[in-house]
Each structure stands twice: as C-alpha cells, then as structure tokens.
C-alpha cells in the first residue's frame, strides 16, 4: 500500500467452520508483528470488532472472506462488504468453491428442510450454496481446506509491497518429490488426488502415509481424464472415482465435470452443448 497509514483490514465469516480464520490466529507471535503493520478493523474470532463495521459503511483496504453464500442474509452482507473494500480476497475451499456444504446442491435441499423443521418457512436458506465470486468481484483467491498461515503471510506481504499475490501452478506431486515422499499411487497402489490438486499444503497427507484428499482444489491443467482412467485401473468403480472429486471442492467446475465424466462419460459442458 502506498498510503502512509497502516492499511485497514477486516476478516469476515460466512457459512464455514472457522478453520481458515485460524490461519491468522495460528501465526502466534507473528500475529502481533502483523498487527503493527496493519490496522485490523474487524475480526470477531480474535476479538477485533469496530462499531463502524465494513458491513455497514466502514471502508477497509483489504477484506478477507471465509465461507460460502448459503442464506439471503449472507448475500446481502457480502455485497455491502464488497462495496466498502478496496480489495476482496477469499480464503479457503468454502469461499473459493462452495466447500463441503455445496454437496447439498446435488440434492433437493428444500425437501430436507421440510422434513426436519416444523416451520420450514422460517429457515433462511438459498436453493444452492455458492462461492463468493458468484456474487461479487473477487480480487484474489487463496485455496485450501484450511488455508495455511504461510499462505496468509505471503498474501499480506505482497499486498503491503504494493503488488498482487501470485497463485501457484504446481501440483501436490511436485511437493512430494521435493520432500522425497514416496508416491502413494505408484508404490502403494492408492487412489491419490495429487496429480490434479493445487500445491500449497506441503503434501501433508502423503508425508504421513495417506493419499491426497484434494483439499487445495484443482490445479491448473488438471488431466482428470487420465487420472480417472488410472483410478479405474486400480479397481475403483465409476461412482468411487466420482466421490474422489466430491469432497472439499466439489463445486469447483473442473472437479464437478471430472466427477460427471467418471460416472456417465459427459461433463457439464458436454451436456450444455447437446
């Protein structure tokens, strides 16, 4: 930022588990240093609450958003925050692709509500769950479930230097190679999502003997067709292959199409062209 004063920052929660906000709190002593560089105007989970919240008129330089849009009230909130933020950055799978709760988009969510609540008309729930970018302009996305403290530091460091952050083009497989982690798919015959998943987690799961879950979302140039064929070669049924994509980032277009391709040989775009 070029302003002589500390940049004003706000951190907001929508439909989510709070895990990505913890990436700030997990900074520990670095968080204290960070608050000397930025002016945190709103971060309810850390006890920073300003009477003039960005949601109702207070302007901030950077707004970090965790969570997806699942209610009408959230839709109105995100519009107000966008109007009063110079930069809006989404953090985590929920904000960037809808998150686990977007799984309900595959079913009749209204039928569930009517089957559970005596007065479903009081439930403020949209028909579908959607990422932030479906409703307002997003300046940068930080993928992950949850995001890491290192990602947060890198983003803020770039912004304080007056440049936009850059996204990685690497896949989890590259992180496994650098850490000399044995390939779970080649050596152990496990269905690992590393070949189509964005790097950034440090290959935590493979490092501890577990195939990648695809927490960090689809990587650039994901060859899901080849991976689907490999999974079937390992003995997975088409439905089992599809479920590999339908977790944290199930509503990401690349993963959504890959799951459909695994089951019936068509993608969303294929069906739209029919």
Protein backbone atom coordinates (compact mmCIF):
# COMPACT_ATOMS: atom_id res chain seq x y z
CA UNK A 1 0.00 0.00 0.00
CA UNK A 2 1.23 3.47 -0.82
CA UNK A 3 -0.72 5.21 1.96
CA UNK A 4 1.39 6.44 4.88
CA UNK A 5 -1.05 4.97 7.41
CA UNK A 6 -1.47 1.30 8.18
CA UNK A 7 -3.81 -0.48 5.74
CA UNK A 8 -7.22 -1.20 7.24
CA UNK A 9 -8.07 -4.92 7.18
CA UNK A 10 -11.22 -6.85 8.01
CA UNK A 11 -11.82 -10.61 8.25
CA UNK A 12 -15.35 -11.95 7.83
CA UNK A 13 -17.02 -15.32 8.29
CA UNK A 14 -19.84 -16.72 6.19
CA UNK A 15 -21.01 -20.37 6.01
CA UNK A 16 -17.91 -22.25 7.16
CA UNK A 17 -16.20 -23.99 10.09
CA UNK A 18 -13.85 -21.11 11.07
CA UNK A 19 -10.78 -23.20 10.13
CA UNK A 20 -9.35 -20.67 7.69
CA UNK A 21 -9.64 -17.82 10.19
CA UNK A 22 -7.46 -19.91 12.47
CA UNK A 23 -4.66 -19.48 9.92
CA UNK A 24 -4.41 -15.92 11.25
CA UNK A 25 -4.56 -16.92 14.92
CA UNK A 26 -2.05 -19.74 14.38
CA UNK A 27 0.54 -17.12 13.40
CA UNK A 28 1.30 -16.79 17.11
CA UNK A 29 3.89 -14.10 17.77
CA UNK A 30 3.89 -13.22 14.08
CA UNK A 31 0.30 -12.09 14.51
CA UNK A 32 1.47 -9.47 16.99
CA UNK A 33 4.03 -8.26 14.46
CA UNK A 34 1.36 -8.27 11.77
CA UNK A 35 -0.96 -6.06 13.80
CA UNK A 36 1.83 -3.47 13.93
CA UNK A 37 1.78 -3.36 10.13
CA UNK A 38 -1.96 -3.41 9.52
CA UNK A 39 -4.97 -1.97 11.31
CA UNK A 40 -7.39 -4.85 11.96
CA UNK A 41 -10.83 -3.23 11.99
CA UNK A 42 -12.94 -6.37 12.24
CA UNK A 43 -12.00 -9.94 13.19
CA UNK A 44 -14.67 -11.25 15.56
CA UNK A 45 -12.90 -14.53 16.26
CA UNK A 46 -9.87 -12.64 17.57
CA UNK A 47 -11.90 -10.06 19.45
CA UNK A 48 -11.41 -7.19 16.98
CA UNK A 49 -14.81 -5.58 16.49
CA UNK A 50 -15.28 -2.00 15.33
CA UNK A 51 -18.61 -0.24 15.90
CA UNK A 52 -18.37 1.00 12.31
CA UNK A 53 -18.08 -2.39 10.61
CA UNK A 54 -17.26 -2.55 6.90
CA UNK A 55 -20.57 -4.37 6.51
CA UNK A 56 -22.46 -1.20 7.33
CA UNK A 57 -20.29 1.52 5.88
CA UNK A 58 -16.75 1.43 7.22
CA UNK A 59 -14.25 1.35 4.34
CA UNK A 60 -11.24 -1.01 4.51
CA UNK A 61 -8.27 -1.60 2.22
CA UNK A 62 -8.39 -5.40 2.37
CA UNK A 63 -11.30 -7.68 3.27
CA UNK A 64 -10.59 -11.38 3.80
CA UNK A 65 -13.65 -13.61 3.38
CA UNK A 66 -14.07 -17.11 4.77
CA UNK A 67 -17.12 -19.19 3.93
CA UNK A 68 -19.68 -19.65 1.18
CA UNK A 69 -23.02 -17.98 0.50
CA UNK A 70 -25.94 -20.11 1.68
CA UNK A 71 -28.53 -17.65 3.00
CA UNK A 72 -30.20 -14.49 1.81
CA UNK A 73 -28.70 -12.55 4.70
CA UNK A 74 -25.20 -13.63 3.68
CA UNK A 75 -25.85 -12.50 0.13
CA UNK A 76 -26.73 -9.02 1.34
CA UNK A 77 -23.72 -8.92 3.69
CA UNK A 78 -21.16 -9.82 1.03
CA UNK A 79 -22.49 -7.11 -1.27
CA UNK A 80 -22.08 -4.49 1.47
CA UNK A 81 -18.57 -5.69 2.26
CA UNK A 82 -17.60 -5.56 -1.41
CA UNK A 83 -18.90 -2.03 -1.74
CA UNK A 84 -16.72 -0.91 1.16
CA UNK A 85 -13.49 -2.78 0.40
CA UNK A 86 -10.69 -1.77 -1.95
CA UNK A 87 -9.58 -5.40 -2.29
CA UNK A 88 -11.58 -8.51 -1.50
CA UNK A 89 -9.74 -11.80 -1.02
CA UNK A 90 -11.41 -15.15 -0.45
CA UNK A 91 -9.69 -17.74 1.74
CA UNK A 92 -10.43 -21.46 1.81
CA UNK A 93 -12.50 -24.00 -0.08
CA UNK A 94 -15.85 -22.69 1.13
CA UNK A 95 -15.20 -19.16 -0.12
CA UNK A 96 -13.47 -20.18 -3.35
CA UNK A 97 -15.65 -23.10 -4.48
CA UNK A 98 -18.55 -23.54 -2.07
CA UNK A 99 -16.90 -26.06 0.24
CA UNK A 100 -18.34 -29.26 1.66
CA UNK A 101 -21.74 -27.64 2.20
CA UNK A 102 -22.07 -27.26 -1.59
CA UNK A 103 -22.68 -31.03 -1.68
CA UNK A 104 -26.31 -30.19 -0.98
CA UNK A 105 -26.51 -28.65 -4.44
CA UNK A 106 -26.66 -32.21 -5.76
CA UNK A 107 -29.90 -32.91 -3.89
CA UNK A 108 -33.23 -31.32 -3.03
CA UNK A 109 -32.19 -29.27 -0.01
CA UNK A 110 -35.70 -27.85 0.42
CA UNK A 111 -37.05 -31.37 0.90
CA UNK A 112 -34.53 -31.90 3.70
CA UNK A 113 -35.56 -28.67 5.42
CA UNK A 114 -39.25 -29.54 5.14
CA UNK A 115 -38.55 -32.98 6.57
CA UNK A 116 -36.68 -31.62 9.60
CA UNK A 117 -38.31 -28.35 10.61
CA UNK A 118 -41.93 -27.91 11.61
CA UNK A 119 -41.98 -24.42 10.10
CA UNK A 120 -39.52 -24.51 7.17
CA UNK A 121 -40.64 -21.05 6.04
CA UNK A 122 -38.55 -19.59 8.88
CA UNK A 123 -35.33 -21.10 7.52
CA UNK A 124 -33.34 -18.55 5.54
CA UNK A 125 -31.60 -20.90 3.13
CA UNK A 126 -30.87 -20.35 -0.54
CA UNK A 127 -31.63 -23.10 -3.01
CA UNK A 128 -27.91 -23.67 -3.62
CA UNK A 129 -24.61 -22.94 -1.90
CA UNK A 130 -22.18 -20.87 -3.93
CA UNK A 131 -18.68 -19.36 -3.73
CA UNK A 132 -18.15 -15.66 -3.16
CA UNK A 133 -17.09 -14.99 -6.75
CA UNK A 134 -20.55 -15.97 -7.99
CA UNK A 135 -21.95 -12.81 -6.41
CA UNK A 136 -19.25 -10.13 -6.21
CA UNK A 137 -15.89 -9.36 -7.77
CA UNK A 138 -13.02 -11.20 -6.06
CA UNK A 139 -9.51 -9.78 -6.42
CA UNK A 140 -7.60 -12.91 -5.36
CA UNK A 141 -8.41 -16.43 -4.18
CA UNK A 142 -6.46 -18.43 -1.59
CA UNK A 143 -7.32 -22.11 -1.94
CA UNK A 144 -7.12 -24.73 0.79
CA UNK A 145 -9.17 -26.58 3.40
CA UNK A 146 -8.00 -24.97 5.54
CA UNK A 147 -5.53 -22.43 4.21
CA UNK A 148 -2.16 -22.26 5.95
CA UNK A 149 -0.57 -19.45 7.92
CA UNK A 150 2.25 -19.34 5.36
CA UNK A 151 -0.26 -18.57 2.62
CA UNK A 152 -1.74 -15.72 4.63
CA UNK A 153 1.70 -14.22 5.32
CA UNK A 154 2.65 -14.45 1.64
CA UNK A 155 -0.56 -12.71 0.54
CA UNK A 156 -0.26 -9.88 3.07
CA UNK A 157 3.46 -9.41 2.36
CA UNK A 158 2.70 -8.98 -1.34
CA UNK A 159 -0.11 -6.53 -0.72
CA UNK A 160 1.98 -4.46 1.69
CA UNK A 161 4.64 -4.30 -1.02
CA UNK A 162 2.10 -2.90 -3.46
CA UNK A 163 1.81 -5.96 -5.71
CA UNK A 164 -0.90 -8.55 -6.17
CA UNK A 165 -0.17 -12.05 -4.86
CA UNK A 166 0.53 -14.84 -7.33
CA UNK A 167 -1.04 -18.27 -7.39
CA UNK A 168 0.95 -21.48 -7.68
CA UNK A 169 0.81 -23.54 -10.87
CA UNK A 170 2.35 -26.58 -9.22
CA UNK A 171 0.61 -29.79 -8.21
CA UNK A 172 0.92 -31.71 -4.94
CA UNK A 173 3.10 -34.24 -6.77
CA UNK A 174 5.83 -31.60 -7.04
CA UNK A 175 5.77 -31.12 -3.27
CA UNK A 176 6.06 -34.88 -2.76
CA UNK A 177 9.12 -35.01 -5.00
CA UNK A 178 10.83 -32.12 -3.20
CA UNK A 179 10.25 -33.73 0.19
CA UNK A 180 11.29 -37.14 -1.19
CA UNK A 181 7.95 -38.61 -0.20
CA UNK A 182 7.27 -41.98 -1.81
CA UNK A 183 4.40 -41.81 -4.34
CA UNK A 184 1.28 -43.33 -2.79
CA UNK A 185 -0.17 -44.25 -6.19
CA UNK A 186 2.90 -45.75 -7.88
CA UNK A 187 4.32 -47.61 -4.89
CA UNK A 188 1.22 -48.35 -2.81
CA UNK A 189 -1.46 -48.51 -5.49
CA UNK A 190 -3.63 -45.92 -3.71
CA UNK A 191 -6.03 -43.58 -5.49
CA UNK A 192 -4.22 -40.29 -4.84
CA UNK A 193 -5.56 -36.90 -5.99
CA UNK A 194 -2.11 -35.30 -6.03
CA UNK A 195 -1.79 -35.22 -9.85
CA UNK A 196 -4.79 -32.86 -10.20
CA UNK A 197 -4.55 -30.91 -6.93
CA UNK A 198 -3.06 -27.46 -6.40
CA UNK A 199 0.13 -27.40 -4.33
CA UNK A 200 0.38 -25.40 -1.11
CA UNK A 201 -0.26 -27.84 1.71
CA UNK A 202 3.28 -29.20 1.76
CA UNK A 203 1.98 -32.67 0.80
CA UNK A 204 0.97 -33.29 4.40
CA UNK A 205 -1.19 -36.37 3.81
CA UNK A 206 1.28 -38.28 1.58
CA UNK A 207 4.05 -37.41 4.04
CA UNK A 208 2.09 -39.21 6.75
CA UNK A 209 1.17 -42.24 4.68
CA UNK A 210 -2.19 -41.12 3.28
CA UNK A 211 -3.16 -40.38 -0.30
CA UNK A 212 -4.05 -36.77 -1.16
CA UNK A 213 -7.63 -35.66 -0.46
CA UNK A 214 -7.53 -32.69 -2.89
CA UNK A 215 -8.03 -30.18 -0.06
CA UNK A 216 -6.39 -27.39 -2.07
CA UNK A 217 -8.64 -27.66 -5.10
CA UNK A 218 -7.96 -28.27 -8.79
CA UNK A 219 -4.54 -27.38 -10.14
CA UNK A 220 -4.01 -25.66 -13.46
CA UNK A 221 -4.03 -28.02 -16.45
CA UNK A 222 -5.57 -30.87 -14.47
CA UNK A 223 -5.74 -34.00 -16.61
CA UNK A 224 -8.69 -35.55 -14.81
CA UNK A 225 -9.47 -37.86 -17.74
CA UNK A 226 -6.13 -39.61 -17.39
CA UNK A 227 -6.48 -39.76 -13.62
CA UNK A 228 -9.98 -41.25 -13.91
CA UNK A 229 -8.61 -43.98 -16.16
CA UNK A 230 -5.81 -44.68 -13.71
CA UNK A 231 -8.22 -44.92 -10.78
CA UNK A 232 -10.38 -47.40 -12.66
CA UNK A 233 -7.23 -49.33 -13.44
CA UNK A 234 -6.65 -49.55 -9.69
CA UNK A 235 -10.05 -51.20 -9.35
CA UNK A 236 -12.29 -48.27 -8.38
CA UNK A 237 -15.86 -48.28 -9.65
CA UNK A 238 -17.01 -45.18 -11.58
CA UNK A 239 -19.02 -43.97 -8.57
CA UNK A 240 -15.97 -44.37 -6.33
CA UNK A 241 -13.88 -42.33 -8.76
CA UNK A 242 -16.52 -39.60 -8.80
CA UNK A 243 -16.54 -39.38 -5.00
CA UNK A 244 -12.82 -38.59 -5.03
CA UNK A 245 -13.70 -35.22 -6.56
CA UNK A 246 -16.84 -34.58 -4.50
CA UNK A 247 -15.31 -33.50 -1.22
CA UNK A 248 -13.92 -30.13 -0.16
CA UNK A 249 -14.03 -28.50 -3.59
CA UNK A 250 -16.89 -30.44 -5.16
CA UNK A 251 -18.42 -27.33 -6.72
CA UNK A 252 -15.21 -26.30 -8.50
CA UNK A 253 -16.08 -26.61 -12.21
CA UNK A 254 -13.05 -28.80 -13.01
CA UNK A 255 -13.81 -31.30 -10.24
CA UNK A 256 -17.55 -31.19 -10.85
CA UNK A 257 -17.06 -32.06 -14.51
CA UNK A 258 -14.50 -34.75 -13.70
CA UNK A 259 -16.94 -36.49 -11.36
CA UNK A 260 -19.66 -36.49 -14.01
CA UNK A 261 -17.21 -37.75 -16.59
CA UNK A 262 -16.25 -40.64 -14.34
CA UNK A 263 -19.87 -41.76 -13.95
CA UNK A 264 -21.51 -41.20 -17.32
CA UNK A 265 -18.81 -40.08 -19.72
CA UNK A 266 -20.10 -36.49 -20.02
CA UNK A 267 -19.16 -33.19 -18.44
CA UNK A 268 -21.34 -30.17 -17.67
CA UNK A 269 -20.11 -28.51 -20.86
CA UNK A 270 -20.92 -31.61 -22.90
CA UNK A 271 -24.49 -31.57 -21.67
CA UNK A 272 -24.83 -27.83 -22.33
CA UNK A 273 -23.79 -28.40 -25.93
CA UNK A 274 -26.43 -31.09 -26.52
